[in-house]
Amino acid sequence: MTTKPSAAQLEQAALFDADLAAWRDHPERAFDGWLAQHGFRPGTSVVYRAMWGKLLRWSAERGLPPLSWSAEQIGEFLDAQQLHKSHRYRYARLIERVFHHLSRLREGMHNPGSQAVRAHLAEGENDPTAFLLPGERDLLVARILGPAGAPAADAGAASPTQWKRARDAALLAVLLGGGLKVAEARALRTDVIADVFADSRPGRMALRMVRPDNGRAYTVPLFPLAHAPLRAWLALREASGTLGNLVFPAMPTGRPMHAASIYRRVEILLDEAGVLAGRSERASPQTLRNTCAAMHFEAGTAPAEVAQCLGMRDLESGWRLRAAYEAWQARAGLVRPASAVSG
C-alpha cells in the first residue's frame, strides 16, 4: 500500500534519482529516495529498507559492487538467508522493481530480479499448492468485483485514478474468473474477447487464446463474476480514448503493464478486500489461477477439460491440479477425511 509522499520525501527522492552514479555510490540513500518517490507506508518502507540493507551487506562481504548482481548471485543470497518461500519471492520482486526503475536511467540494463524469478531461483522449496477459501472469494466479489461492475455515471470523464481502478478490478476479475497467467494478462488483446449472446441478452464471455509455444488454440470461459467488471472496464477504456489493443495497458497511451506492477496491483486489491489479513499462505496471481481451477472442479468439470480451459500444455496437468485441490481441501478442513467418514 502507498500513501502520498510529503514535500520532504519528494525532495529526498529528487536528490538521489538523478543517475546511476548515485545508486552505485550511495545505494542506501538512493534507495531511500526511491522509497520516498513511491510513497510507501512507513511500515512498508521500514521492511523494504531492512531488506535492501541486508542485500547490500551480503554483497559487500563478498566484494560485489552494488547493482552488479547476476540472477545466480541473487539466488545465492536468498539461499544464504534461509528464508521462507514467500519471503524469498518478496525479495526477488523488490529487486525486480528497483531494477525496472533503473532501466529507465539506462536502456537495456539487465534485471537480475526478473531473471531470478524466471529461472525459479526465488522459489526455494515448493510450498503446497494454495487456493482461496470460499469466504475469501466472496470478499473479493463483494468488495472489489461487485462495485467495479456498477455502471459509471460518465465514463468519458474518468480521472486517471478511476481509469486505473477500473482496469485493476477487471484485471483481477480475469485472473480469477479465467485463470490467466500474468504473461497472458499482460498480452491480452481486445479482439480475443468473445461475448456469446443468449435470448438477445449478454450471455457468457470467453477468451479465444493461442498457446505461443505450439500455436494451439483454446477457449477460456470466464466465470460470471468476471463479466460485469470486465464489461465496465472495456466501456470506460473506450470512452477514455485508450490507445492500442491491449486490454490492460499501463497507461491510456497503450503501453503494456510491467509484470511486477501486475503482482503489486493484485496484492493491493487482495489486501483491500481483506483477503490477506487472515491468510497464512501467500496469495498471488497464481493463487487466483488455482482458484479458478477449483471453481471449475466444484462445477463438475472434468480435470482434462479444466486443463484445456487453463491452456495447460498437457491434459495430465488437470489431474495433478485436481489432486492438489483435494489435498488443500483436506488441509483447510473443508472435507472430512475418508477414515472419519467410513468410521
Protein backbone atom coordinates (compact mmCIF):
# COMPACT_ATOMS: atom_id res chain seq x y z
CA MET A 1 0.00 0.00 0.00
CA THR A 2 1.22 3.51 -0.73
CA THR A 3 0.48 6.98 0.57
CA LYS A 4 1.04 10.40 -0.90
CA PRO A 5 4.71 11.39 -0.34
CA SER A 6 5.46 14.51 1.67
CA ALA A 7 7.39 17.50 0.33
CA ALA A 8 10.47 16.39 2.26
CA GLN A 9 10.22 12.90 0.81
CA LEU A 10 9.89 14.26 -2.72
CA GLU A 11 12.95 16.45 -2.18
CA GLN A 12 14.90 13.44 -0.93
CA ALA A 13 13.75 11.41 -3.92
CA ALA A 14 14.93 14.10 -6.33
CA LEU A 15 18.40 14.17 -4.73
CA PHE A 16 19.13 10.51 -5.35
CA ASP A 17 17.18 9.74 -8.51
CA ALA A 18 19.30 11.66 -11.00
CA ASP A 19 21.54 8.95 -12.43
CA LEU A 20 23.04 5.53 -11.90
CA ALA A 21 26.12 7.02 -10.23
CA ALA A 22 24.02 7.99 -7.21
CA TRP A 23 22.80 4.40 -6.92
CA ARG A 24 26.30 2.94 -7.23
CA ASP A 25 27.98 5.42 -4.88
CA HIS A 26 25.21 5.75 -2.30
CA PRO A 27 22.91 2.72 -2.78
CA GLU A 28 21.25 3.03 0.63
CA ARG A 29 20.46 6.74 0.26
CA ALA A 30 19.37 6.28 -3.34
CA PHE A 31 17.04 3.51 -2.20
CA ASP A 32 15.57 5.86 0.41
CA GLY A 33 14.87 8.29 -2.41
CA TRP A 34 13.16 5.55 -4.41
CA LEU A 35 11.01 4.68 -1.39
CA ALA A 36 10.08 8.34 -0.94
CA GLN A 37 9.22 8.71 -4.61
CA HIS A 38 6.79 5.80 -4.42
CA GLY A 39 5.18 6.98 -1.18
CA PHE A 40 5.19 3.63 0.60
CA ARG A 41 3.58 3.48 4.00
CA PRO A 42 6.06 3.89 6.89
CA GLY A 43 5.79 0.26 7.94
CA THR A 44 6.38 -0.97 4.41
CA SER A 45 9.33 1.39 3.98
CA VAL A 46 10.95 0.08 7.16
CA VAL A 47 10.66 -3.51 5.93
CA TYR A 48 11.93 -2.71 2.44
CA ARG A 49 14.83 -0.67 3.82
CA ALA A 50 15.87 -3.57 6.06
CA MET A 51 15.68 -5.98 3.11
CA TRP A 52 17.75 -3.71 0.88
CA GLY A 53 20.32 -3.15 3.65
CA LYS A 54 20.71 -6.90 4.16
CA LEU A 55 21.33 -7.38 0.44
CA LEU A 56 23.95 -4.61 0.41
CA ARG A 57 25.76 -6.05 3.43
CA TRP A 58 25.84 -9.51 1.89
CA SER A 59 27.11 -8.00 -1.35
CA ALA A 60 29.85 -6.01 0.41
CA GLU A 61 31.05 -9.08 2.32
CA ARG A 62 31.62 -10.83 -1.00
CA GLY A 63 33.21 -7.84 -2.70
CA LEU A 64 30.36 -7.44 -5.19
CA PRO A 65 29.75 -3.86 -6.33
CA PRO A 66 26.17 -2.60 -5.92
CA LEU A 67 23.87 -3.23 -8.91
CA SER A 68 26.31 -5.71 -10.46
CA TRP A 69 24.46 -8.81 -9.28
CA SER A 70 23.51 -11.66 -11.55
CA ALA A 71 20.42 -13.82 -11.18
CA GLU A 72 22.62 -16.64 -9.85
CA GLN A 73 24.07 -14.33 -7.20
CA ILE A 74 20.57 -13.27 -6.19
CA GLY A 75 19.77 -16.97 -5.80
CA GLU A 76 22.88 -17.44 -3.64
CA PHE A 77 21.85 -14.51 -1.46
CA LEU A 78 18.36 -15.93 -0.97
CA ASP A 79 19.79 -19.35 -0.10
CA ALA A 80 22.16 -17.78 2.42
CA GLN A 81 19.29 -16.11 4.28
CA GLN A 82 17.39 -19.39 4.77
CA LEU A 83 14.13 -17.60 4.02
CA HIS A 84 10.61 -18.98 3.74
CA LYS A 85 9.47 -19.25 0.15
CA SER A 86 7.12 -16.28 0.39
CA HIS A 87 9.96 -14.11 1.76
CA ARG A 88 12.32 -15.25 -1.00
CA TYR A 89 9.71 -14.26 -3.51
CA ARG A 90 9.21 -10.86 -1.89
CA TYR A 91 12.95 -10.19 -2.04
CA ALA A 92 13.13 -11.11 -5.70
CA ARG A 93 10.18 -8.89 -6.55
CA LEU A 94 11.67 -5.95 -4.66
CA ILE A 95 14.94 -6.31 -6.58
CA GLU A 96 12.96 -6.63 -9.80
CA ARG A 97 11.09 -3.39 -9.11
CA VAL A 98 14.28 -1.48 -8.29
CA PHE A 99 15.99 -2.63 -11.48
CA HIS A 100 12.89 -1.86 -13.51
CA HIS A 101 13.21 1.68 -12.18
CA LEU A 102 16.94 1.75 -13.03
CA SER A 103 16.25 0.57 -16.57
CA ARG A 104 14.63 3.93 -17.18
CA LEU A 105 18.00 5.53 -16.44
CA ARG A 106 19.93 3.25 -18.79
CA GLU A 107 18.23 1.42 -21.63
CA GLY A 108 18.97 -2.28 -21.85
CA MET A 109 20.08 -2.66 -18.25
CA HIS A 110 19.75 -6.24 -17.02
CA ASN A 111 17.22 -7.11 -14.34
CA PRO A 112 18.56 -9.89 -12.07
CA GLY A 113 15.31 -9.93 -10.08
CA SER A 114 13.24 -10.78 -13.17
CA GLN A 115 15.85 -13.30 -14.30
CA ALA A 116 15.86 -14.97 -10.88
CA VAL A 117 12.07 -15.27 -10.93
CA ARG A 118 12.03 -16.72 -14.46
CA ALA A 119 14.75 -19.19 -13.51
CA HIS A 120 12.72 -20.25 -10.44
CA LEU A 121 15.63 -19.24 -8.19
CA ALA A 122 13.24 -17.34 -5.92
CA GLU A 123 11.01 -20.32 -5.25
CA GLY A 124 13.09 -22.38 -2.84
CA GLU A 125 11.30 -25.48 -1.62
CA ASN A 126 7.90 -25.91 -3.22
CA ASP A 127 5.05 -24.97 -0.94
CA PRO A 128 1.78 -26.93 -1.25
CA THR A 129 -0.48 -25.55 -3.98
CA ALA A 130 -2.70 -22.86 -2.46
CA PHE A 131 -6.25 -21.74 -3.25
CA LEU A 132 -8.58 -19.05 -1.95
CA LEU A 133 -11.13 -20.13 0.63
CA PRO A 134 -14.79 -19.76 -0.41
CA GLY A 135 -15.16 -16.89 2.07
CA GLU A 136 -12.15 -15.13 0.56
CA ARG A 137 -13.67 -15.41 -2.90
CA ASP A 138 -16.87 -13.88 -1.54
CA LEU A 139 -14.88 -10.95 -0.11
CA LEU A 140 -13.30 -10.27 -3.49
CA VAL A 141 -16.65 -10.27 -5.24
CA ALA A 142 -18.40 -8.17 -2.62
CA ARG A 143 -15.70 -5.55 -2.10
CA ILE A 144 -13.88 -5.35 -5.43
CA LEU A 145 -15.61 -7.05 -8.34
CA GLY A 146 -19.20 -6.17 -7.47
CA PRO A 147 -18.63 -2.40 -7.10
CA ALA A 148 -16.41 -2.42 -10.21
CA GLY A 149 -19.27 -3.77 -12.30
CA ALA A 150 -21.61 -0.88 -11.47
CA PRO A 151 -22.15 1.38 -14.50
CA ALA A 152 -20.25 4.68 -14.32
CA ALA A 153 -22.21 7.91 -14.47
CA ASP A 154 -19.86 9.44 -17.05
CA ALA A 155 -17.17 7.07 -18.27
CA GLY A 156 -15.68 9.67 -20.59
CA ALA A 157 -14.81 11.95 -17.68
CA ALA A 158 -12.97 9.26 -15.70
CA SER A 159 -9.94 10.52 -13.81
CA PRO A 160 -6.57 8.71 -14.09
CA THR A 161 -7.26 7.17 -10.68
CA GLN A 162 -10.69 5.93 -11.75
CA TRP A 163 -9.20 4.62 -15.01
CA LYS A 164 -6.58 2.56 -13.16
CA ARG A 165 -9.07 1.39 -10.55
CA ALA A 166 -11.44 0.04 -13.19
CA ARG A 167 -8.54 -1.58 -15.05
CA ASP A 168 -7.17 -3.23 -11.91
CA ALA A 169 -10.56 -4.61 -10.89
CA ALA A 170 -11.12 -6.04 -14.38
CA LEU A 171 -7.61 -7.48 -14.33
CA LEU A 172 -8.36 -9.20 -11.01
CA ALA A 173 -11.65 -10.44 -12.46
CA VAL A 174 -9.95 -12.04 -15.46
CA LEU A 175 -7.19 -13.61 -13.37
CA LEU A 176 -9.77 -15.15 -11.02
CA GLY A 177 -12.62 -15.74 -13.45
CA GLY A 178 -10.49 -17.02 -16.33
CA GLY A 179 -7.37 -18.36 -14.64
CA LEU A 180 -4.95 -16.43 -16.84
CA LYS A 181 -1.24 -16.26 -16.12
CA VAL A 182 0.38 -12.85 -15.64
CA ALA A 183 2.12 -13.04 -19.01
CA GLU A 184 -1.19 -13.87 -20.70
CA ALA A 185 -2.97 -10.98 -18.98
CA ARG A 186 -0.20 -8.55 -19.99
CA ALA A 187 -0.51 -9.54 -23.65
CA LEU A 188 -4.31 -9.95 -23.74
CA ARG A 189 -5.85 -8.13 -26.73
CA THR A 190 -9.34 -6.73 -27.05
CA ASP A 191 -10.02 -8.76 -30.19
CA VAL A 192 -9.82 -12.09 -28.34
CA ILE A 193 -12.79 -11.33 -26.09
CA ALA A 194 -15.91 -13.15 -27.23
CA ASP A 195 -19.37 -12.33 -25.88
CA VAL A 196 -21.83 -15.15 -26.55
CA PHE A 197 -25.37 -13.86 -26.62
CA ALA A 198 -28.40 -15.79 -25.43
CA ASP A 199 -32.02 -14.68 -25.88
CA SER A 200 -30.80 -11.31 -27.27
CA ARG A 201 -29.06 -10.53 -23.95
CA PRO A 202 -25.40 -10.78 -22.95
CA GLY A 203 -24.64 -14.35 -22.06
CA ARG A 204 -21.31 -15.90 -21.19
CA MET A 205 -17.97 -14.33 -22.01
CA ALA A 206 -14.91 -16.20 -23.22
CA LEU A 207 -11.38 -15.53 -24.43
CA ARG A 208 -10.06 -17.02 -27.68
CA MET A 209 -6.45 -17.82 -26.85
CA VAL A 210 -3.46 -19.38 -28.65
CA ARG A 211 -0.51 -21.04 -26.96
CA PRO A 212 2.67 -19.25 -28.11
CA ASP A 213 4.83 -22.39 -27.92
CA ASN A 214 2.82 -24.66 -30.21
CA GLY A 215 0.13 -22.45 -31.76
CA ARG A 216 -2.70 -24.49 -30.23
CA ALA A 217 -5.94 -22.53 -30.00
CA TYR A 218 -8.18 -22.90 -26.97
CA THR A 219 -11.13 -21.15 -25.34
CA VAL A 220 -11.03 -19.69 -21.84
CA PRO A 221 -14.56 -19.40 -20.41
CA LEU A 222 -14.99 -16.55 -17.92
CA PHE A 223 -16.99 -17.20 -14.79
CA PRO A 224 -19.95 -14.81 -14.33
CA LEU A 225 -18.14 -12.96 -11.52
CA ALA A 226 -15.80 -11.52 -14.17
CA HIS A 227 -18.44 -10.34 -16.65
CA ALA A 228 -19.64 -7.07 -15.15
CA PRO A 229 -16.24 -5.65 -14.12
CA LEU A 230 -14.72 -6.56 -17.48
CA ARG A 231 -17.61 -5.02 -19.45
CA ALA A 232 -17.49 -1.89 -17.28
CA TRP A 233 -13.75 -1.56 -17.85
CA LEU A 234 -13.99 -2.08 -21.62
CA ALA A 235 -16.65 0.65 -21.82
CA LEU A 236 -14.56 3.06 -19.76
CA ARG A 237 -11.43 2.11 -21.69
CA GLU A 238 -13.08 3.02 -24.98
CA ALA A 239 -14.76 6.18 -23.68
CA SER A 240 -11.42 7.38 -22.30
CA GLY A 241 -9.79 7.14 -25.72
CA THR A 242 -7.29 4.47 -24.65
CA LEU A 243 -4.87 3.68 -27.46
CA GLY A 244 -3.70 0.30 -28.70
CA ASN A 245 -5.39 -3.08 -28.48
CA LEU A 246 -4.12 -4.30 -25.11
CA VAL A 247 -6.96 -4.99 -22.69
CA PHE A 248 -4.90 -3.91 -19.68
CA PRO A 249 -2.36 -1.24 -20.68
CA ALA A 250 -0.27 0.59 -18.11
CA MET A 251 -1.49 3.98 -19.31
CA PRO A 252 -4.10 5.32 -21.78
CA THR A 253 -1.23 5.60 -24.28
CA GLY A 254 -1.39 1.80 -24.63
CA ARG A 255 1.98 0.90 -23.09
CA PRO A 256 1.95 -2.65 -21.64
CA MET A 257 1.98 -3.17 -17.89
CA HIS A 258 5.13 -4.45 -16.23
CA ALA A 259 4.78 -7.89 -14.66
CA ALA A 260 5.90 -6.58 -11.27
CA SER A 261 3.16 -3.95 -11.46
CA ILE A 262 0.52 -6.62 -12.01
CA TYR A 263 1.71 -8.53 -8.96
CA ARG A 264 1.63 -5.33 -6.93
CA ARG A 265 -1.84 -4.25 -8.12
CA VAL A 266 -3.27 -7.69 -7.34
CA GLU A 267 -1.69 -7.62 -3.89
CA ILE A 268 -3.22 -4.21 -3.20
CA LEU A 269 -6.73 -5.35 -4.17
CA LEU A 270 -6.45 -8.59 -2.19
CA ASP A 271 -5.35 -6.59 0.83
CA GLU A 272 -8.13 -4.07 0.34
CA ALA A 273 -10.71 -6.84 0.18
CA GLY A 274 -9.48 -8.24 3.48
CA VAL A 275 -8.19 -11.47 1.97
CA LEU A 276 -4.60 -11.15 3.18
CA ALA A 277 -5.41 -10.33 6.80
CA GLY A 278 -6.10 -13.87 7.94
CA ARG A 279 -4.06 -15.92 5.47
CA SER A 280 -1.02 -17.97 6.43
CA GLU A 281 -0.36 -18.80 2.77
CA ARG A 282 0.75 -16.24 0.20
CA ALA A 283 -1.91 -15.06 -2.24
CA SER A 284 -0.79 -14.12 -5.75
CA PRO A 285 -1.99 -14.26 -9.36
CA GLN A 286 -1.07 -17.95 -9.32
CA THR A 287 -3.41 -18.42 -6.35
CA LEU A 288 -6.19 -16.82 -8.40
CA ARG A 289 -5.43 -19.18 -11.30
CA ASN A 290 -5.55 -22.16 -8.94
CA THR A 291 -8.84 -20.90 -7.50
CA CYS A 292 -10.32 -20.61 -10.98
CA ALA A 293 -9.49 -24.27 -11.49
CA ALA A 294 -11.13 -25.05 -8.14
CA MET A 295 -14.34 -23.34 -9.27
CA HIS A 296 -14.32 -25.50 -12.38
CA PHE A 297 -13.89 -28.63 -10.27
CA GLU A 298 -16.72 -27.53 -7.99
CA ALA A 299 -18.91 -27.06 -11.06
CA GLY A 300 -18.27 -30.68 -12.03
CA THR A 301 -15.82 -30.01 -14.86
CA ALA A 302 -13.55 -32.93 -15.64
CA PRO A 303 -9.82 -32.44 -14.93
CA ALA A 304 -8.86 -32.85 -18.60
CA GLU A 305 -11.35 -30.14 -19.59
CA VAL A 306 -10.03 -27.85 -16.82
CA ALA A 307 -6.55 -28.29 -18.27
CA GLN A 308 -7.90 -27.18 -21.65
CA CYS A 309 -9.68 -24.16 -20.15
CA LEU A 310 -6.45 -23.04 -18.47
CA GLY A 311 -4.37 -23.62 -21.59
CA MET A 312 -2.13 -26.18 -19.92
CA ARG A 313 0.47 -27.97 -22.00
CA ASP A 314 -0.86 -31.47 -21.27
CA LEU A 315 -4.18 -32.82 -20.02
CA GLU A 316 -2.49 -34.74 -17.19
CA SER A 317 -1.82 -31.39 -15.51
CA GLY A 318 -5.53 -31.13 -14.84
CA TRP A 319 -5.46 -34.34 -12.83
CA ARG A 320 -2.42 -33.20 -10.84
CA LEU A 321 -4.16 -29.92 -10.08
CA ARG A 322 -7.31 -31.79 -9.04
CA ALA A 323 -5.23 -33.89 -6.63
CA ALA A 324 -3.57 -30.76 -5.24
CA TYR A 325 -7.01 -29.17 -4.75
CA GLU A 326 -8.32 -32.19 -2.86
CA ALA A 327 -5.19 -32.21 -0.66
CA TRP A 328 -5.65 -28.49 0.03
CA GLN A 329 -9.31 -29.04 0.94
CA ALA A 330 -8.24 -31.64 3.49
CA ARG A 331 -5.59 -29.31 4.96
CA ALA A 332 -8.10 -26.46 5.16
CA GLY A 333 -10.68 -28.66 6.88
CA LEU A 334 -13.20 -28.26 4.06
CA VAL A 335 -13.76 -32.00 3.67
CA ARG A 336 -13.83 -34.82 6.18
CA PRO A 337 -11.03 -37.39 5.87
CA ALA A 338 -12.13 -40.67 4.31
CA SER A 339 -11.24 -42.52 7.54
CA ALA A 340 -13.60 -40.28 9.53
CA VAL A 341 -16.41 -40.81 7.04
CA SER A 342 -16.01 -44.58 6.98
CA GLY A 343 -15.75 -44.72 10.75
